[in-house]
Structures are given as C-alpha cells and as structure tokens.
Amino acid sequence: MAHWLVKSEPFKYSWEKFLEDKQTFWDGVRNYQARNNLKEMKKGEEVFFYHSNEGMEIVGIAKVAKESYPDPTTDDERWVAVDLKPVKSLKKPVSLVQMKAEKRLHNLALVRQGRLSVCPVSDEEWKIILELSARK
C-alpha cells in the first residue's frame, strides 16, 4: 500500500477545518504530475496533511476514502479529485526544516519538488517522519 502527502495552505483549508468536516474532497489540482498522483491513490491508503506557506509542516494523517473521480470544480475532464478522511493529528508537527535536515529524507518528493501539491511518500520516508514526530 502506498503513502502520500497533500498540501494545503492553512488559510484556505486547515487541518483543524478538516477535522471539523470529518471528510473532504481534494480538488482544484491543476498540475499533471499531482493529478497523476491523485489517480494512483487507492482507498485506505494513508496521507500526510501538510500546511504549506504558513507553518510549513506535516500536521496530521488522513486516509483515502474514495478513489479518483472527475473534479467537481471544473468541466475539464482532465482533472480529478479524491475524498480524504482525517485519521489523527501528529503528536508533534514535523517541519520542512526538520525534513530537509534529516539526511534519510533527501529523496522525499516534498524536499526535491517543493511546489508539487500531491506527492508519494515511500514506506521508509513515512516511518522516518513518524519517528521525527515522536521525538520530544
């Protein structure tokens, strides 16, 4: 099973709002690589929720609740959305600075392709990020 990371600017859609909503559709993606990643997501796969621009940290874990379908915010059939459900907040958010400082995360898509809004996370990277979150 794959792991993923999605980005949201907190002022547009925050982790707190996501927890309140209990489920949301991830729409508005207009980058082909990010769209292809959405298409790859399978129901039940885990997803890190990253606050971009403000905070710049992974704050929680979600799950894919519904696989890709046409993005309801556009008539252009090239674009897709997925449904996500929040699972839990991280014990301690993991900042981009921490991830960049961790040598074992040098290949993390978030580090290599900072502008990509939906990206894969390897099993090893997932474990390392959870480890960073658990540190005092």
N, C-alpha and C. Protein backbone atom coordinates (compact mmCIF):
# COMPACT_ATOMS: atom_id res chain seq x y z
N MET A 1 0.84 -1.19 0.00
CA MET A 1 0.00 0.00 0.00
C MET A 1 0.88 1.25 0.00
N ALA A 2 0.53 2.19 -0.81
CA ALA A 2 1.32 3.42 -0.95
C ALA A 2 0.97 4.43 0.14
N HIS A 3 1.85 5.40 0.30
CA HIS A 3 1.64 6.55 1.20
C HIS A 3 1.75 7.81 0.36
N TRP A 4 1.10 8.88 0.84
CA TRP A 4 1.04 10.12 0.08
C TRP A 4 1.19 11.33 0.99
N LEU A 5 1.37 12.48 0.36
CA LEU A 5 1.37 13.75 1.08
C LEU A 5 0.56 14.74 0.23
N VAL A 6 -0.35 15.45 0.90
CA VAL A 6 -1.10 16.53 0.23
C VAL A 6 -0.82 17.82 0.98
N LYS A 7 -0.82 18.91 0.22
CA LYS A 7 -0.54 20.23 0.80
C LYS A 7 -1.78 21.09 0.76
N SER A 8 -1.92 21.90 1.81
CA SER A 8 -2.98 22.89 1.83
C SER A 8 -2.48 24.11 2.59
N GLU A 9 -2.81 25.28 2.07
CA GLU A 9 -2.49 26.49 2.80
C GLU A 9 -3.51 26.63 3.91
N PRO A 10 -3.06 26.77 5.17
CA PRO A 10 -3.98 26.78 6.31
C PRO A 10 -5.11 27.81 6.19
N PHE A 11 -4.83 28.96 5.57
CA PHE A 11 -5.89 29.97 5.47
C PHE A 11 -6.96 29.57 4.45
N LYS A 12 -6.61 28.63 3.54
CA LYS A 12 -7.60 28.15 2.56
C LYS A 12 -8.34 26.93 3.11
N TYR A 13 -7.58 25.96 3.66
CA TYR A 13 -8.20 24.77 4.24
C TYR A 13 -7.21 24.18 5.23
N SER A 14 -7.50 24.34 6.50
CA SER A 14 -6.57 23.91 7.56
C SER A 14 -6.88 22.50 8.06
N TRP A 15 -5.93 21.93 8.75
CA TRP A 15 -6.10 20.63 9.39
C TRP A 15 -7.28 20.70 10.37
N GLU A 16 -7.38 21.79 11.11
CA GLU A 16 -8.46 21.95 12.09
C GLU A 16 -9.83 21.92 11.40
N LYS A 17 -9.94 22.59 10.25
CA LYS A 17 -11.19 22.60 9.48
C LYS A 17 -11.48 21.19 8.95
N PHE A 18 -10.45 20.50 8.51
CA PHE A 18 -10.58 19.13 8.02
C PHE A 18 -11.12 18.22 9.12
N LEU A 19 -10.57 18.35 10.34
CA LEU A 19 -11.05 17.56 11.48
C LEU A 19 -12.52 17.85 11.75
N GLU A 20 -12.88 19.11 11.66
CA GLU A 20 -14.26 19.55 11.88
C GLU A 20 -15.19 18.96 10.80
N ASP A 21 -14.74 18.99 9.55
CA ASP A 21 -15.56 18.49 8.43
C ASP A 21 -15.69 16.97 8.41
N LYS A 22 -14.72 16.27 8.96
CA LYS A 22 -14.67 14.81 9.03
C LYS A 22 -14.42 14.10 7.69
N GLN A 23 -14.57 14.81 6.58
CA GLN A 23 -14.23 14.28 5.26
C GLN A 23 -14.28 15.45 4.28
N THR A 24 -13.47 15.35 3.24
CA THR A 24 -13.49 16.39 2.21
C THR A 24 -13.06 15.80 0.89
N PHE A 25 -13.35 16.51 -0.19
CA PHE A 25 -12.80 16.08 -1.48
C PHE A 25 -11.62 16.98 -1.80
N TRP A 26 -10.56 16.37 -2.32
CA TRP A 26 -9.33 17.07 -2.65
C TRP A 26 -9.42 17.46 -4.11
N ASP A 27 -9.70 18.73 -4.36
CA ASP A 27 -9.98 19.21 -5.70
C ASP A 27 -9.07 20.38 -6.05
N GLY A 28 -9.24 20.89 -7.25
CA GLY A 28 -8.52 22.09 -7.65
C GLY A 28 -7.08 21.86 -8.05
N VAL A 29 -6.64 20.60 -8.15
CA VAL A 29 -5.27 20.30 -8.54
C VAL A 29 -5.14 20.54 -10.04
N ARG A 30 -4.20 21.40 -10.44
CA ARG A 30 -4.02 21.74 -11.85
C ARG A 30 -2.58 21.55 -12.30
N ASN A 31 -1.96 20.52 -11.79
CA ASN A 31 -0.60 20.13 -12.17
C ASN A 31 -0.69 18.67 -12.61
N TYR A 32 -0.16 18.35 -13.78
CA TYR A 32 -0.33 17.00 -14.32
C TYR A 32 0.31 15.92 -13.44
N GLN A 33 1.48 16.20 -12.89
CA GLN A 33 2.13 15.20 -12.04
C GLN A 33 1.32 14.98 -10.76
N ALA A 34 0.83 16.06 -10.15
CA ALA A 34 -0.01 15.94 -8.95
C ALA A 34 -1.31 15.20 -9.29
N ARG A 35 -1.90 15.53 -10.46
CA ARG A 35 -3.12 14.85 -10.89
C ARG A 35 -2.87 13.35 -11.06
N ASN A 36 -1.75 13.00 -11.67
CA ASN A 36 -1.43 11.58 -11.84
C ASN A 36 -1.28 10.88 -10.50
N ASN A 37 -0.73 11.59 -9.51
CA ASN A 37 -0.62 11.02 -8.16
C ASN A 37 -2.01 10.81 -7.56
N LEU A 38 -2.92 11.76 -7.76
CA LEU A 38 -4.31 11.58 -7.27
C LEU A 38 -4.92 10.33 -7.90
N LYS A 39 -4.68 10.13 -9.18
CA LYS A 39 -5.24 8.97 -9.89
C LYS A 39 -4.69 7.65 -9.34
N GLU A 40 -3.48 7.69 -8.79
CA GLU A 40 -2.84 6.48 -8.25
C GLU A 40 -3.34 6.12 -6.85
N MET A 41 -3.93 7.07 -6.15
CA MET A 41 -4.35 6.83 -4.76
C MET A 41 -5.44 5.77 -4.69
N LYS A 42 -5.28 4.87 -3.74
CA LYS A 42 -6.25 3.79 -3.54
C LYS A 42 -6.95 3.95 -2.19
N LYS A 43 -8.19 3.53 -2.15
CA LYS A 43 -8.97 3.61 -0.91
C LYS A 43 -8.21 2.94 0.24
N GLY A 44 -8.15 3.64 1.38
CA GLY A 44 -7.49 3.10 2.57
C GLY A 44 -6.03 3.51 2.72
N GLU A 45 -5.42 4.04 1.66
CA GLU A 45 -4.02 4.45 1.77
C GLU A 45 -3.89 5.69 2.65
N GLU A 46 -2.76 5.77 3.35
CA GLU A 46 -2.53 6.86 4.29
C GLU A 46 -1.89 8.06 3.59
N VAL A 47 -2.25 9.24 4.11
CA VAL A 47 -1.85 10.50 3.50
C VAL A 47 -1.41 11.48 4.59
N PHE A 48 -0.21 12.03 4.47
CA PHE A 48 0.20 13.11 5.35
C PHE A 48 -0.48 14.40 4.90
N PHE A 49 -0.91 15.22 5.86
CA PHE A 49 -1.52 16.52 5.59
C PHE A 49 -0.50 17.58 5.96
N TYR A 50 -0.09 18.36 4.96
CA TYR A 50 0.99 19.34 5.12
C TYR A 50 0.44 20.76 4.98
N HIS A 51 0.74 21.59 5.97
CA HIS A 51 0.39 23.02 5.88
C HIS A 51 1.49 23.73 5.10
N SER A 52 1.14 24.26 3.94
CA SER A 52 2.13 24.96 3.11
C SER A 52 2.06 26.46 3.33
N ASN A 53 3.12 27.13 2.92
CA ASN A 53 3.28 28.59 3.02
C ASN A 53 3.29 29.10 4.46
N GLU A 54 2.32 28.72 5.23
CA GLU A 54 2.20 29.16 6.62
C GLU A 54 2.36 27.92 7.49
N GLY A 55 3.35 27.88 8.35
CA GLY A 55 3.57 26.69 9.17
C GLY A 55 4.59 25.77 8.54
N MET A 56 4.38 25.43 7.29
CA MET A 56 5.28 24.55 6.53
C MET A 56 5.67 23.31 7.34
N GLU A 57 4.63 22.52 7.67
CA GLU A 57 4.85 21.33 8.49
C GLU A 57 3.76 20.31 8.24
N ILE A 58 4.12 19.04 8.45
CA ILE A 58 3.13 17.96 8.40
C ILE A 58 2.43 17.96 9.75
N VAL A 59 1.10 18.05 9.72
CA VAL A 59 0.35 18.19 10.96
C VAL A 59 -0.55 17.00 11.28
N GLY A 60 -0.86 16.17 10.27
CA GLY A 60 -1.77 15.08 10.54
C GLY A 60 -1.72 13.99 9.49
N ILE A 61 -2.50 12.94 9.76
CA ILE A 61 -2.61 11.79 8.87
C ILE A 61 -4.07 11.63 8.47
N ALA A 62 -4.28 11.42 7.18
CA ALA A 62 -5.62 11.17 6.64
C ALA A 62 -5.59 9.84 5.90
N LYS A 63 -6.76 9.41 5.45
CA LYS A 63 -6.86 8.21 4.60
C LYS A 63 -7.68 8.53 3.38
N VAL A 64 -7.38 7.84 2.30
CA VAL A 64 -8.18 7.97 1.09
C VAL A 64 -9.51 7.26 1.34
N ALA A 65 -10.61 8.03 1.23
CA ALA A 65 -11.95 7.48 1.46
C ALA A 65 -12.63 7.09 0.15
N LYS A 66 -12.25 7.77 -0.94
CA LYS A 66 -12.82 7.47 -2.26
C LYS A 66 -11.76 7.76 -3.31
N GLU A 67 -11.58 6.80 -4.22
CA GLU A 67 -10.58 6.95 -5.27
C GLU A 67 -11.00 7.99 -6.29
N SER A 68 -10.09 8.33 -7.20
CA SER A 68 -10.27 9.47 -8.10
C SER A 68 -11.57 9.41 -8.92
N TYR A 69 -12.12 10.60 -9.10
CA TYR A 69 -13.33 10.81 -9.90
C TYR A 69 -13.21 12.22 -10.49
N PRO A 70 -14.05 12.57 -11.48
CA PRO A 70 -13.93 13.89 -12.10
C PRO A 70 -14.03 15.02 -11.07
N ASP A 71 -13.11 15.98 -11.18
CA ASP A 71 -13.08 17.13 -10.27
C ASP A 71 -14.37 17.94 -10.45
N PRO A 72 -15.19 18.06 -9.37
CA PRO A 72 -16.46 18.78 -9.49
C PRO A 72 -16.32 20.29 -9.65
N THR A 73 -15.09 20.82 -9.55
CA THR A 73 -14.91 22.27 -9.66
C THR A 73 -14.61 22.72 -11.09
N THR A 74 -14.61 21.77 -12.04
CA THR A 74 -14.34 22.13 -13.42
C THR A 74 -15.08 21.20 -14.38
N ASP A 75 -15.34 21.69 -15.57
CA ASP A 75 -15.94 20.86 -16.63
C ASP A 75 -14.86 20.15 -17.44
N ASP A 76 -13.61 20.49 -17.21
CA ASP A 76 -12.48 19.91 -17.93
C ASP A 76 -12.23 18.50 -17.39
N GLU A 77 -12.47 17.51 -18.22
CA GLU A 77 -12.39 16.11 -17.75
C GLU A 77 -10.98 15.60 -17.49
N ARG A 78 -9.97 16.43 -17.75
CA ARG A 78 -8.59 16.00 -17.46
C ARG A 78 -8.30 15.97 -15.97
N TRP A 79 -9.08 16.70 -15.17
CA TRP A 79 -8.75 16.87 -13.75
C TRP A 79 -9.62 15.99 -12.87
N VAL A 80 -9.01 15.53 -11.77
CA VAL A 80 -9.70 14.61 -10.85
C VAL A 80 -9.61 15.10 -9.40
N ALA A 81 -10.43 14.49 -8.57
CA ALA A 81 -10.42 14.73 -7.12
C ALA A 81 -10.45 13.37 -6.43
N VAL A 82 -10.10 13.34 -5.16
CA VAL A 82 -10.28 12.16 -4.30
C VAL A 82 -10.93 12.63 -3.01
N ASP A 83 -11.54 11.71 -2.29
CA ASP A 83 -12.09 12.03 -0.98
C ASP A 83 -11.11 11.57 0.09
N LEU A 84 -10.90 12.42 1.08
CA LEU A 84 -10.00 12.11 2.20
C LEU A 84 -10.74 12.26 3.51
N LYS A 85 -10.35 11.41 4.48
CA LYS A 85 -10.87 11.48 5.85
C LYS A 85 -9.71 11.66 6.81
N PRO A 86 -9.84 12.56 7.79
CA PRO A 86 -8.75 12.68 8.76
C PRO A 86 -8.70 11.45 9.67
N VAL A 87 -7.50 11.05 10.04
CA VAL A 87 -7.32 9.91 10.95
C VAL A 87 -6.88 10.43 12.32
N LYS A 88 -5.75 11.17 12.34
CA LYS A 88 -5.27 11.70 13.62
C LYS A 88 -4.25 12.80 13.38
N SER A 89 -4.12 13.64 14.38
CA SER A 89 -3.09 14.67 14.38
C SER A 89 -1.77 14.01 14.76
N LEU A 90 -0.67 14.54 14.23
CA LEU A 90 0.64 14.04 14.65
C LEU A 90 0.89 14.49 16.09
N LYS A 91 1.63 13.68 16.85
CA LYS A 91 1.97 14.05 18.23
C LYS A 91 2.61 15.42 18.25
N LYS A 92 3.54 15.60 17.31
CA LYS A 92 4.23 16.89 17.15
C LYS A 92 4.40 17.11 15.66
N PRO A 93 3.97 18.29 15.14
CA PRO A 93 4.15 18.54 13.72
C PRO A 93 5.62 18.39 13.31
N VAL A 94 5.84 17.99 12.06
CA VAL A 94 7.19 17.83 11.53
C VAL A 94 7.40 18.91 10.47
N SER A 95 8.34 19.80 10.73
CA SER A 95 8.55 20.96 9.86
C SER A 95 9.39 20.60 8.63
N LEU A 96 9.25 21.41 7.61
CA LEU A 96 10.06 21.25 6.41
C LEU A 96 11.54 21.39 6.76
N VAL A 97 11.88 22.27 7.67
CA VAL A 97 13.27 22.44 8.11
C VAL A 97 13.80 21.12 8.68
N GLN A 98 13.00 20.46 9.52
CA GLN A 98 13.41 19.17 10.09
C GLN A 98 13.62 18.13 8.99
N MET A 99 12.68 18.09 8.05
CA MET A 99 12.78 17.10 6.97
C MET A 99 14.00 17.34 6.10
N LYS A 100 14.29 18.61 5.81
CA LYS A 100 15.47 18.93 4.99
C LYS A 100 16.76 18.61 5.74
N ALA A 101 16.74 18.70 7.07
CA ALA A 101 17.93 18.43 7.88
C ALA A 101 18.16 16.93 8.06
N GLU A 102 17.14 16.12 7.84
CA GLU A 102 17.23 14.67 8.02
C GLU A 102 17.79 14.03 6.74
N LYS A 103 19.03 13.57 6.80
CA LYS A 103 19.70 13.01 5.61
C LYS A 103 18.91 11.87 4.97
N ARG A 104 18.24 11.08 5.79
CA ARG A 104 17.49 9.94 5.25
C ARG A 104 16.29 10.38 4.41
N LEU A 105 15.93 11.67 4.45
CA LEU A 105 14.78 12.17 3.68
C LEU A 105 15.21 12.99 2.46
N HIS A 106 16.47 12.85 2.04
CA HIS A 106 16.96 13.67 0.92
C HIS A 106 16.21 13.40 -0.39
N ASN A 107 15.59 12.23 -0.54
CA ASN A 107 14.84 11.92 -1.76
C ASN A 107 13.34 12.19 -1.62
N LEU A 108 12.90 12.65 -0.48
CA LEU A 108 11.48 12.93 -0.27
C LEU A 108 11.00 13.92 -1.33
N ALA A 109 9.89 13.60 -2.01
CA ALA A 109 9.37 14.46 -3.08
C ALA A 109 9.11 15.88 -2.58
N LEU A 110 8.66 16.02 -1.35
CA LEU A 110 8.39 17.35 -0.78
C LEU A 110 9.67 18.20 -0.76
N VAL A 111 10.80 17.57 -0.52
CA VAL A 111 12.08 18.26 -0.47
C VAL A 111 12.60 18.52 -1.89
N ARG A 112 12.48 17.51 -2.76
CA ARG A 112 13.01 17.62 -4.12
C ARG A 112 12.14 18.49 -5.04
N GLN A 113 10.81 18.39 -4.89
CA GLN A 113 9.88 19.11 -5.75
C GLN A 113 8.92 19.91 -4.87
N GLY A 114 9.44 20.94 -4.28
CA GLY A 114 8.70 21.71 -3.28
C GLY A 114 7.35 22.26 -3.69
N ARG A 115 7.12 22.44 -4.99
CA ARG A 115 5.86 23.02 -5.45
C ARG A 115 4.78 21.98 -5.74
N LEU A 116 5.14 20.69 -5.72
CA LEU A 116 4.19 19.63 -6.04
C LEU A 116 3.18 19.46 -4.90
N SER A 117 1.88 19.60 -5.20
CA SER A 117 0.86 19.63 -4.15
C SER A 117 0.38 18.26 -3.69
N VAL A 118 0.62 17.23 -4.48
CA VAL A 118 0.26 15.86 -4.12
C VAL A 118 1.45 14.99 -4.51
N CYS A 119 2.07 14.34 -3.52
CA CYS A 119 3.26 13.57 -3.86
C CYS A 119 3.33 12.26 -3.08
N PRO A 120 4.04 11.28 -3.66
CA PRO A 120 4.20 9.99 -2.99
C PRO A 120 5.20 10.09 -1.84
N VAL A 121 5.05 9.21 -0.87
CA VAL A 121 5.97 9.09 0.27
C VAL A 121 6.29 7.60 0.39
N SER A 122 7.55 7.24 0.36
CA SER A 122 7.93 5.82 0.46
C SER A 122 7.64 5.31 1.88
N ASP A 123 7.59 3.99 2.01
CA ASP A 123 7.37 3.38 3.34
C ASP A 123 8.45 3.84 4.32
N GLU A 124 9.70 3.87 3.86
CA GLU A 124 10.81 4.28 4.72
C GLU A 124 10.67 5.75 5.13
N GLU A 125 10.34 6.62 4.17
CA GLU A 125 10.15 8.03 4.48
C GLU A 125 9.00 8.22 5.46
N TRP A 126 7.93 7.45 5.29
CA TRP A 126 6.77 7.53 6.19
C TRP A 126 7.21 7.23 7.62
N LYS A 127 7.98 6.15 7.79
CA LYS A 127 8.45 5.75 9.12
C LYS A 127 9.35 6.83 9.75
N ILE A 128 10.23 7.39 8.95
CA ILE A 128 11.16 8.43 9.44
C ILE A 128 10.38 9.66 9.91
N ILE A 129 9.39 10.08 9.13
CA ILE A 129 8.58 11.24 9.51
C ILE A 129 7.81 10.98 10.80
N LEU A 130 7.27 9.78 10.95
CA LEU A 130 6.57 9.43 12.20
C LEU A 130 7.56 9.43 13.36
N GLU A 131 8.76 8.97 13.12
CA GLU A 131 9.82 8.97 14.14
C GLU A 131 10.14 10.42 14.56
N LEU A 132 10.26 11.32 13.57
CA LEU A 132 10.54 12.72 13.88
C LEU A 132 9.40 13.33 14.70
N SER A 133 8.18 12.94 14.42
CA SER A 133 7.01 13.45 15.13
C SER A 133 6.99 12.98 16.58
N ALA A 134 7.53 11.82 16.83
CA ALA A 134 7.50 11.25 18.18
C ALA A 134 8.60 11.80 19.08
N ARG A 135 9.60 12.44 18.48
CA ARG A 135 10.71 12.99 19.29
C ARG A 135 10.24 14.18 20.12
N LYS A 136 10.82 14.28 21.30
CA LYS A 136 10.49 15.39 22.21
C LYS A 136 11.15 16.66 21.74
